[in-house]
N, C-alpha and C. Protein backbone atom coordinates (compact mmCIF):
# COMPACT_ATOMS: atom_id res chain seq x y z
N MET A 1 116.32 56.78 -154.42
CA MET A 1 114.99 57.40 -154.75
C MET A 1 114.00 56.76 -153.79
N VAL A 2 113.06 57.52 -153.30
CA VAL A 2 112.11 57.04 -152.46
C VAL A 2 110.94 56.40 -153.26
N LYS A 3 110.49 55.27 -152.94
CA LYS A 3 109.46 54.57 -153.59
C LYS A 3 108.25 54.35 -152.57
N TYR A 4 106.99 54.55 -153.19
CA TYR A 4 105.81 54.32 -152.40
C TYR A 4 104.99 53.12 -153.02
N THR A 5 104.19 52.55 -152.25
CA THR A 5 103.25 51.58 -152.73
C THR A 5 101.89 51.95 -152.48
N CYS A 6 100.99 51.95 -153.51
CA CYS A 6 99.59 52.45 -153.37
C CYS A 6 98.79 51.28 -152.61
N TYR A 7 98.03 51.76 -151.65
CA TYR A 7 97.23 50.85 -150.81
C TYR A 7 96.07 50.23 -151.55
N ASN A 8 95.44 50.89 -152.59
CA ASN A 8 94.29 50.41 -153.30
C ASN A 8 94.73 49.44 -154.43
N CYS A 9 95.66 49.85 -155.30
CA CYS A 9 95.85 49.03 -156.50
C CYS A 9 97.22 48.29 -156.42
N GLY A 10 98.06 48.61 -155.46
CA GLY A 10 99.34 47.84 -155.19
C GLY A 10 100.50 48.33 -156.15
N ALA A 11 100.28 49.36 -156.93
CA ALA A 11 101.28 49.87 -157.77
C ALA A 11 102.47 50.51 -157.09
N THR A 12 103.68 50.42 -157.65
CA THR A 12 104.85 51.00 -157.05
C THR A 12 104.99 52.45 -157.71
N VAL A 13 104.98 53.46 -156.87
CA VAL A 13 105.00 54.86 -157.36
C VAL A 13 106.35 55.50 -156.86
N GLU A 14 107.02 56.18 -157.72
CA GLU A 14 108.16 56.92 -157.32
C GLU A 14 107.88 58.32 -157.01
N LEU A 15 108.76 59.01 -156.21
CA LEU A 15 108.56 60.33 -155.79
C LEU A 15 108.37 61.30 -156.97
N ASP A 16 109.06 60.97 -158.14
CA ASP A 16 108.95 61.90 -159.33
C ASP A 16 107.60 61.87 -159.95
N GLU A 17 106.86 60.71 -159.81
CA GLU A 17 105.46 60.64 -160.40
C GLU A 17 104.42 61.29 -159.60
N ILE A 18 104.63 61.55 -158.36
CA ILE A 18 103.65 62.23 -157.41
C ILE A 18 103.60 63.70 -157.77
N ARG A 19 102.40 64.22 -157.90
CA ARG A 19 102.45 65.66 -158.23
C ARG A 19 102.24 66.46 -156.95
N GLU A 20 101.56 67.64 -157.03
CA GLU A 20 101.39 68.46 -155.84
C GLU A 20 100.56 67.78 -154.79
N THR A 21 99.48 67.05 -155.13
CA THR A 21 98.78 66.29 -154.03
C THR A 21 99.23 64.94 -154.00
N VAL A 22 99.22 64.32 -152.85
CA VAL A 22 99.77 62.90 -152.73
C VAL A 22 98.63 61.95 -153.10
N ARG A 23 98.61 61.50 -154.31
CA ARG A 23 97.63 60.60 -154.86
C ARG A 23 98.33 59.60 -155.84
N CYS A 24 97.85 58.48 -155.91
CA CYS A 24 98.32 57.55 -156.85
C CYS A 24 98.09 57.96 -158.28
N PRO A 25 99.00 58.03 -159.15
CA PRO A 25 98.63 58.47 -160.64
C PRO A 25 97.94 57.36 -161.44
N TYR A 26 97.83 56.19 -160.86
CA TYR A 26 97.18 55.12 -161.63
C TYR A 26 95.67 54.95 -161.33
N CYS A 27 95.37 54.97 -159.98
CA CYS A 27 94.06 54.77 -159.58
C CYS A 27 93.45 55.91 -158.87
N GLY A 28 94.18 56.82 -158.35
CA GLY A 28 93.74 58.10 -157.73
C GLY A 28 93.58 57.86 -156.20
N GLY A 29 94.05 56.74 -155.68
CA GLY A 29 94.01 56.46 -154.24
C GLY A 29 94.77 57.36 -153.45
N ARG A 30 94.35 57.74 -152.27
CA ARG A 30 95.07 58.73 -151.43
C ARG A 30 96.05 58.16 -150.45
N ILE A 31 95.95 56.90 -150.21
CA ILE A 31 96.87 56.28 -149.16
C ILE A 31 98.11 55.65 -149.93
N LEU A 32 99.28 56.22 -149.72
CA LEU A 32 100.53 55.70 -150.20
C LEU A 32 101.46 55.27 -149.00
N MET A 33 101.92 54.06 -149.03
CA MET A 33 102.88 53.55 -147.94
C MET A 33 104.27 53.66 -148.54
N LYS A 34 105.20 54.20 -147.64
CA LYS A 34 106.57 54.21 -148.00
C LYS A 34 107.13 52.68 -148.02
N LYS A 35 107.87 52.40 -149.05
CA LYS A 35 108.35 51.07 -149.28
C LYS A 35 109.61 50.91 -148.43
N ARG A 36 109.68 49.77 -147.68
CA ARG A 36 110.81 49.56 -146.86
C ARG A 36 112.02 49.11 -147.68
N PRO A 37 113.19 49.46 -147.18
CA PRO A 37 114.39 49.02 -147.86
C PRO A 37 114.49 47.52 -148.09
N GLU A 38 115.18 47.06 -149.19
CA GLU A 38 115.24 45.69 -149.50
C GLU A 38 116.29 44.91 -148.69
N GLY A 39 117.13 45.62 -147.95
CA GLY A 39 118.20 44.94 -147.14
C GLY A 39 117.69 44.01 -146.08
N GLY A 40 118.41 43.00 -145.80
CA GLY A 40 118.08 42.03 -144.90
C GLY A 40 118.39 42.48 -143.46
N HIS A 41 117.61 42.10 -142.48
CA HIS A 41 117.80 42.39 -141.15
C HIS A 41 118.34 41.27 -140.39
N HIS A 42 119.48 41.52 -139.72
CA HIS A 42 120.04 40.43 -138.92
C HIS A 42 119.65 40.54 -137.49
N VAL A 43 119.11 39.38 -136.97
CA VAL A 43 118.76 39.44 -135.51
C VAL A 43 119.67 38.40 -134.89
N LYS A 44 120.27 38.91 -133.85
CA LYS A 44 121.17 37.99 -133.10
C LYS A 44 120.52 37.20 -132.12
N ALA A 45 120.62 35.85 -132.13
CA ALA A 45 120.05 35.03 -131.22
C ALA A 45 120.77 34.94 -129.93
N ARG A 46 120.14 34.70 -128.84
CA ARG A 46 120.93 34.57 -127.59
C ARG A 46 121.53 33.21 -127.32
């Protein structure tokens, strides 16, 4: 499931909670950032 984070209030919003317009259901903010996956990134050192 795709999760978004509201830029104004910091609430985590799922795709099911978003209606026709892309707005935060809690504060009404318009800017939602897609949450990055929780997996760790391995960087190989030289």
